[in-house]
């Protein structure tokens, strides 16, 4: 069995870079619709980790908001 603590040692620093976009639509005075998307890319030691399968990821979301 390999002891991972001695094989990989993470250090501090910049671990990711990315961008995102959000769109907001006001349906009425109380109801809003929000759509968002983001992309991130792992850098440095975070990208070299043995548990990382893909250095980049995309996330998207759709939210319905109600204002009281």
PDB file of N, CA and C in Angstrom:
ATOM      1  N   UNK A   1       0.845  -1.187   0.000  1.00  0.00           N
ATOM      2  CA  UNK A   1       0.000   0.000   0.000  1.00  0.00           C
ATOM      3  C   UNK A   1       0.889   1.250   0.000  1.00  0.00           C
ATOM      4  N   UNK A   2       0.556   2.225  -0.848  1.00  0.00           N
ATOM      5  CA  UNK A   2       1.341   3.447  -0.975  1.00  0.00           C
ATOM      6  C   UNK A   2       0.762   4.515  -0.061  1.00  0.00           C
ATOM      7  N   UNK A   3       1.630   5.159   0.695  1.00  0.00           N
ATOM      8  CA  UNK A   3       1.200   6.261   1.559  1.00  0.00           C
ATOM      9  C   UNK A   3       1.220   7.545   0.740  1.00  0.00           C
ATOM     10  N   UNK A   4       0.052   8.080   0.371  1.00  0.00           N
ATOM     11  CA  UNK A   4      -0.079   9.229  -0.527  1.00  0.00           C
ATOM     12  C   UNK A   4       0.542  10.491   0.072  1.00  0.00           C
ATOM     13  N   UNK A   5       0.607  10.619   1.373  1.00  0.00           N
ATOM     14  CA  UNK A   5       1.177  11.827   1.982  1.00  0.00           C
ATOM     15  C   UNK A   5       2.597  12.093   1.506  1.00  0.00           C
ATOM     16  N   UNK A   6       3.337  11.056   1.178  1.00  0.00           N
ATOM     17  CA  UNK A   6       4.727  11.223   0.751  1.00  0.00           C
ATOM     18  C   UNK A   6       4.865  11.265  -0.767  1.00  0.00           C
ATOM     19  N   UNK A   7       3.837  10.886  -1.493  1.00  0.00           N
ATOM     20  CA  UNK A   7       3.873  10.902  -2.947  1.00  0.00           C
ATOM     21  C   UNK A   7       3.438  12.271  -3.470  1.00  0.00           C
ATOM     22  N   UNK A   8       2.415  12.861  -2.864  1.00  0.00           N
ATOM     23  CA  UNK A   8       1.871  14.143  -3.324  1.00  0.00           C
ATOM     24  C   UNK A   8       1.710  15.078  -2.138  1.00  0.00           C
ATOM     25  N   UNK A   9       2.299  16.256  -2.225  1.00  0.00           N
ATOM     26  CA  UNK A   9       2.180  17.268  -1.188  1.00  0.00           C
ATOM     27  C   UNK A   9       1.712  18.562  -1.832  1.00  0.00           C
ATOM     28  N   UNK A  10       0.522  19.000  -1.485  1.00  0.00           N
ATOM     29  CA  UNK A  10      -0.034  20.229  -2.051  1.00  0.00           C
ATOM     30  C   UNK A  10       0.504  21.436  -1.295  1.00  0.00           C
ATOM     31  N   UNK A  11       0.739  22.511  -2.045  1.00  0.00           N
ATOM     32  CA  UNK A  11       1.178  23.769  -1.457  1.00  0.00           C
ATOM     33  C   UNK A  11       0.104  24.814  -1.745  1.00  0.00           C
ATOM     34  N   UNK A  12       0.231  25.965  -1.135  1.00  0.00           N
ATOM     35  CA  UNK A  12      -0.726  27.039  -1.356  1.00  0.00           C
ATOM     36  C   UNK A  12      -0.490  27.726  -2.691  1.00  0.00           C
ATOM     37  N   UNK A  13      -1.346  28.694  -2.997  1.00  0.00           N
ATOM     38  CA  UNK A  13      -1.199  29.457  -4.232  1.00  0.00           C
ATOM     39  C   UNK A  13      -2.512  29.497  -5.005  1.00  0.00           C
ATOM     40  N   UNK A  14      -2.421  29.994  -6.202  1.00  0.00           N
ATOM     41  CA  UNK A  14      -3.587  30.092  -7.077  1.00  0.00           C
ATOM     42  C   UNK A  14      -4.007  28.696  -7.505  1.00  0.00           C
ATOM     43  N   UNK A  15      -5.266  28.321  -7.248  1.00  0.00           N
ATOM     44  CA  UNK A  15      -5.687  26.956  -7.547  1.00  0.00           C
ATOM     45  C   UNK A  15      -6.683  26.841  -8.692  1.00  0.00           C
ATOM     46  N   UNK A  16      -7.289  27.964  -9.142  1.00  0.00           N
ATOM     47  CA  UNK A  16      -8.231  27.875 -10.252  1.00  0.00           C
ATOM     48  C   UNK A  16      -8.431  29.230 -10.924  1.00  0.00           C
ATOM     49  N   UNK A  17      -8.848  29.168 -12.169  1.00  0.00           N
ATOM     50  CA  UNK A  17      -9.203  30.359 -12.933  1.00  0.00           C
ATOM     51  C   UNK A  17     -10.465  30.032 -13.718  1.00  0.00           C
ATOM     52  N   UNK A  18     -11.245  31.035 -14.028  1.00  0.00           N
ATOM     53  CA  UNK A  18     -12.472  30.756 -14.775  1.00  0.00           C
ATOM     54  C   UNK A  18     -13.253  32.003 -15.074  1.00  0.00           C
ATOM     55  N   UNK A  19     -14.431  31.809 -15.607  1.00  0.00           N
ATOM     56  CA  UNK A  19     -15.338  32.908 -15.927  1.00  0.00           C
ATOM     57  C   UNK A  19     -16.765  32.416 -15.759  1.00  0.00           C
ATOM     58  N   UNK A  20     -17.678  33.357 -15.653  1.00  0.00           N
ATOM     59  CA  UNK A  20     -19.082  33.016 -15.512  1.00  0.00           C
ATOM     60  C   UNK A  20     -19.966  34.123 -16.045  1.00  0.00           C
ATOM     61  N   UNK A  21     -21.205  33.776 -16.277  1.00  0.00           N
ATOM     62  CA  UNK A  21     -22.176  34.742 -16.784  1.00  0.00           C
ATOM     63  C   UNK A  21     -23.524  34.461 -16.120  1.00  0.00           C
ATOM     64  N   UNK A  22     -24.247  35.527 -15.818  1.00  0.00           N
ATOM     65  CA  UNK A  22     -25.570  35.420 -15.211  1.00  0.00           C
ATOM     66  C   UNK A  22     -26.538  36.316 -15.968  1.00  0.00           C
ATOM     67  N   UNK A  23     -27.718  35.790 -16.255  1.00  0.00           N
ATOM     68  CA  UNK A  23     -28.779  36.566 -16.898  1.00  0.00           C
ATOM     69  C   UNK A  23     -29.986  36.583 -15.965  1.00  0.00           C
ATOM     70  N   UNK A  24     -30.590  37.735 -15.809  1.00  0.00           N
ATOM     71  CA  UNK A  24     -31.716  37.901 -14.903  1.00  0.00           C
ATOM     72  C   UNK A  24     -32.890  38.498 -15.673  1.00  0.00           C
ATOM     73  N   UNK A  25     -34.055  37.846 -15.579  1.00  0.00           N
ATOM     74  CA  UNK A  25     -35.258  38.313 -16.256  1.00  0.00           C
ATOM     75  C   UNK A  25     -36.326  38.609 -15.209  1.00  0.00           C
ATOM     76  N   UNK A  26     -36.816  39.825 -15.204  1.00  0.00           N
ATOM     77  CA  UNK A  26     -37.853  40.227 -14.254  1.00  0.00           C
ATOM     78  C   UNK A  26     -39.217  39.967 -14.896  1.00  0.00           C
ATOM     79  N   UNK A  27     -39.893  38.904 -14.440  1.00  0.00           N
ATOM     80  CA  UNK A  27     -41.179  38.514 -14.990  1.00  0.00           C
ATOM     81  C   UNK A  27     -42.290  39.446 -14.501  1.00  0.00           C
ATOM     82  N   UNK A  28     -42.261  39.757 -13.219  1.00  0.00           N
ATOM     83  CA  UNK A  28     -43.215  40.693 -12.623  1.00  0.00           C
ATOM     84  C   UNK A  28     -42.523  41.394 -11.458  1.00  0.00           C
ATOM     85  N   UNK A  29     -43.253  42.149 -10.674  1.00  0.00           N
ATOM     86  CA  UNK A  29     -42.664  42.866  -9.542  1.00  0.00           C
ATOM     87  C   UNK A  29     -42.090  41.906  -8.496  1.00  0.00           C
ATOM     88  N   UNK A  30     -42.644  40.703  -8.380  1.00  0.00           N
ATOM     89  CA  UNK A  30     -42.202  39.749  -7.360  1.00  0.00           C
ATOM     90  C   UNK A  30     -41.475  38.522  -7.915  1.00  0.00           C
ATOM     91  N   UNK A  31     -41.682  38.165  -9.162  1.00  0.00           N
ATOM     92  CA  UNK A  31     -41.099  36.949  -9.731  1.00  0.00           C
ATOM     93  C   UNK A  31     -39.953  37.279 -10.687  1.00  0.00           C
ATOM     94  N   UNK A  32     -38.858  36.549 -10.530  1.00  0.00           N
ATOM     95  CA  UNK A  32     -37.665  36.730 -11.358  1.00  0.00           C
ATOM     96  C   UNK A  32     -37.182  35.356 -11.823  1.00  0.00           C
ATOM     97  N   UNK A  33     -36.556  35.329 -12.966  1.00  0.00           N
ATOM     98  CA  UNK A  33     -35.939  34.111 -13.480  1.00  0.00           C
ATOM     99  C   UNK A  33     -34.453  34.400 -13.696  1.00  0.00           C
ATOM    100  N   UNK A  34     -33.618  33.521 -13.191  1.00  0.00           N
ATOM    101  CA  UNK A  34     -32.173  33.712 -13.281  1.00  0.00           C
ATOM    102  C   UNK A  34     -31.538  32.479 -13.926  1.00  0.00           C
ATOM    103  N   UNK A  35     -30.687  32.690 -14.921  1.00  0.00           N
ATOM    104  CA  UNK A  35     -29.923  31.610 -15.554  1.00  0.00           C
ATOM    105  C   UNK A  35     -28.447  31.957 -15.409  1.00  0.00           C
ATOM    106  N   UNK A  36     -27.643  30.948 -15.114  1.00  0.00           N
ATOM    107  CA  UNK A  36     -26.222  31.194 -14.922  1.00  0.00           C
ATOM    108  C   UNK A  36     -25.389  30.032 -15.439  1.00  0.00           C
ATOM    109  N   UNK A  37     -24.186  30.359 -15.849  1.00  0.00           N
ATOM    110  CA  UNK A  37     -23.240  29.349 -16.312  1.00  0.00           C
ATOM    111  C   UNK A  37     -21.836  29.778 -15.922  1.00  0.00           C
ATOM    112  N   UNK A  38     -20.989  28.813 -15.641  1.00  0.00           N
ATOM    113  CA  UNK A  38     -19.612  29.123 -15.235  1.00  0.00           C
ATOM    114  C   UNK A  38     -18.681  28.008 -15.694  1.00  0.00           C
ATOM    115  N   UNK A  39     -17.442  28.386 -15.987  1.00  0.00           N
ATOM    116  CA  UNK A  39     -16.398  27.444 -16.366  1.00  0.00           C
ATOM    117  C   UNK A  39     -15.183  27.731 -15.501  1.00  0.00           C
ATOM    118  N   UNK A  40     -14.571  26.675 -14.975  1.00  0.00           N
ATOM    119  CA  UNK A  40     -13.363  26.807 -14.161  1.00  0.00           C
ATOM    120  C   UNK A  40     -12.310  25.809 -14.629  1.00  0.00           C
ATOM    121  N   UNK A  41     -11.043  26.214 -14.490  1.00  0.00           N
ATOM    122  CA  UNK A  41      -9.913  25.389 -14.875  1.00  0.00           C
ATOM    123  C   UNK A  41      -8.948  25.331 -13.701  1.00  0.00           C
ATOM    124  N   UNK A  42      -8.607  24.124 -13.262  1.00  0.00           N
ATOM    125  CA  UNK A  42      -7.690  23.956 -12.126  1.00  0.00           C
ATOM    126  C   UNK A  42      -6.257  24.262 -12.534  1.00  0.00           C
ATOM    127  N   UNK A  43      -5.514  24.877 -11.619  1.00  0.00           N
ATOM    128  CA  UNK A  43      -4.127  25.270 -11.859  1.00  0.00           C
ATOM    129  C   UNK A  43      -3.214  24.680 -10.792  1.00  0.00           C
ATOM    130  N   UNK A  44      -1.937  24.661 -11.059  1.00  0.00           N
ATOM    131  CA  UNK A  44      -0.918  24.304 -10.068  1.00  0.00           C
ATOM    132  C   UNK A  44      -1.134  22.959  -9.405  1.00  0.00           C
ATOM    133  N   UNK A  45      -0.924  22.933  -8.088  1.00  0.00           N
ATOM    134  CA  UNK A  45      -1.028  21.687  -7.327  1.00  0.00           C
ATOM    135  C   UNK A  45      -2.442  21.109  -7.330  1.00  0.00           C
ATOM    136  N   UNK A  46      -3.450  21.966  -7.420  1.00  0.00           N
ATOM    137  CA  UNK A  46      -4.823  21.462  -7.471  1.00  0.00           C
ATOM    138  C   UNK A  46      -5.032  20.597  -8.711  1.00  0.00           C
ATOM    139  N   UNK A  47      -4.443  20.971  -9.831  1.00  0.00           N
ATOM    140  CA  UNK A  47      -4.578  20.200 -11.071  1.00  0.00           C
ATOM    141  C   UNK A  47      -3.742  18.922 -11.049  1.00  0.00           C
ATOM    142  N   UNK A  48      -2.669  18.903 -10.256  1.00  0.00           N
ATOM    143  CA  UNK A  48      -1.773  17.744 -10.204  1.00  0.00           C
ATOM    144  C   UNK A  48      -2.207  16.697  -9.188  1.00  0.00           C
ATOM    145  N   UNK A  49      -3.253  16.958  -8.438  1.00  0.00           N
ATOM    146  CA  UNK A  49      -3.713  16.024  -7.418  1.00  0.00           C
ATOM    147  C   UNK A  49      -4.080  14.675  -8.047  1.00  0.00           C
ATOM    148  N   UNK A  50      -3.773  13.580  -7.353  1.00  0.00           N
ATOM    149  CA  UNK A  50      -4.086  12.253  -7.906  1.00  0.00           C
ATOM    150  C   UNK A  50      -5.584  11.958  -8.002  1.00  0.00           C
ATOM    151  N   UNK A  51      -6.427  12.730  -7.357  1.00  0.00           N
ATOM    152  CA  UNK A  51      -7.868  12.476  -7.436  1.00  0.00           C
ATOM    153  C   UNK A  51      -8.544  13.270  -8.551  1.00  0.00           C
ATOM    154  N   UNK A  52      -7.798  14.129  -9.257  1.00  0.00           N
ATOM    155  CA  UNK A  52      -8.362  14.931 -10.341  1.00  0.00           C
ATOM    156  C   UNK A  52      -8.406  14.117 -11.622  1.00  0.00           C
ATOM    157  N   UNK A  53      -9.596  14.027 -12.226  1.00  0.00           N
ATOM    158  CA  UNK A  53      -9.755  13.318 -13.493  1.00  0.00           C
ATOM    159  C   UNK A  53      -9.780  14.277 -14.677  1.00  0.00           C
ATOM    160  N   UNK A  54     -10.324  15.476 -14.490  1.00  0.00           N
ATOM    161  CA  UNK A  54     -10.428  16.463 -15.560  1.00  0.00           C
ATOM    162  C   UNK A  54     -10.113  17.827 -14.967  1.00  0.00           C
ATOM    163  N   UNK A  55      -9.239  18.586 -15.609  1.00  0.00           N
ATOM    164  CA  UNK A  55      -8.818  19.876 -15.067  1.00  0.00           C
ATOM    165  C   UNK A  55      -9.862  20.970 -15.222  1.00  0.00           C
ATOM    166  N   UNK A  56     -10.846  20.792 -16.086  1.00  0.00           N
ATOM    167  CA  UNK A  56     -11.844  21.836 -16.279  1.00  0.00           C
ATOM    168  C   UNK A  56     -13.243  21.312 -15.972  1.00  0.00           C
ATOM    169  N   UNK A  57     -14.134  22.247 -15.604  1.00  0.00           N
ATOM    170  CA  UNK A  57     -15.518  21.869 -15.330  1.00  0.00           C
ATOM    171  C   UNK A  57     -16.443  23.011 -15.717  1.00  0.00           C
ATOM    172  N   UNK A  58     -17.669  22.648 -16.055  1.00  0.00           N
ATOM    173  CA  UNK A  58     -18.696  23.610 -16.407  1.00  0.00           C
ATOM    174  C   UNK A  58     -19.885  23.381 -15.488  1.00  0.00           C
ATOM    175  N   UNK A  59     -20.467  24.466 -15.010  1.00  0.00           N
ATOM    176  CA  UNK A  59     -21.654  24.382 -14.155  1.00  0.00           C
ATOM    177  C   UNK A  59     -22.712  25.331 -14.711  1.00  0.00           C
ATOM    178  N   UNK A  60     -23.967  24.913 -14.636  1.00  0.00           N
ATOM    179  CA  UNK A  60     -25.080  25.746 -15.112  1.00  0.00           C
ATOM    180  C   UNK A  60     -26.218  25.655 -14.104  1.00  0.00           C
ATOM    181  N   UNK A  61     -26.994  26.713 -14.028  1.00  0.00           N
ATOM    182  CA  UNK A  61     -28.112  26.709 -13.098  1.00  0.00           C
ATOM    183  C   UNK A  61     -29.253  27.572 -13.614  1.00  0.00           C
ATOM    184  N   UNK A  62     -30.439  27.224 -13.190  1.00  0.00           N
ATOM    185  CA  UNK A  62     -31.638  27.984 -13.511  1.00  0.00           C
ATOM    186  C   UNK A  62     -32.416  28.143 -12.208  1.00  0.00           C
ATOM    187  N   UNK A  63     -32.696  29.389 -11.830  1.00  0.00           N
ATOM    188  CA  UNK A  63     -33.337  29.688 -10.557  1.00  0.00           C
ATOM    189  C   UNK A  63     -34.598  30.500 -10.777  1.00  0.00           C
ATOM    190  N   UNK A  64     -35.626  30.167 -10.014  1.00  0.00           N
ATOM    191  CA  UNK A  64     -36.851  30.971  -9.971  1.00  0.00           C
ATOM    192  C   UNK A  64     -36.847  31.679  -8.620  1.00  0.00           C
ATOM    193  N   UNK A  65     -36.966  33.017  -8.643  1.00  0.00           N
ATOM    194  CA  UNK A  65     -36.875  33.812  -7.428  1.00  0.00           C
ATOM    195  C   UNK A  65     -38.207  34.494  -7.153  1.00  0.00           C
ATOM    196  N   UNK A  66     -38.569  34.551  -5.882  1.00  0.00           N
ATOM    197  CA  UNK A  66     -39.766  35.256  -5.447  1.00  0.00           C
ATOM    198  C   UNK A  66     -39.358  36.260  -4.400  1.00  0.00           C
ATOM    199  N   UNK A  67     -39.754  37.483  -4.573  1.00  0.00           N
ATOM    200  CA  UNK A  67     -39.392  38.548  -3.636  1.00  0.00           C
ATOM    201  C   UNK A  67     -40.588  38.844  -2.728  1.00  0.00           C
ATOM    202  N   UNK A  68     -40.371  38.749  -1.408  1.00  0.00           N
ATOM    203  CA  UNK A  68     -41.440  39.016  -0.439  1.00  0.00           C
ATOM    204  C   UNK A  68     -41.624  40.490  -0.207  1.00  0.00           C
TER     205      UNK A  68
END
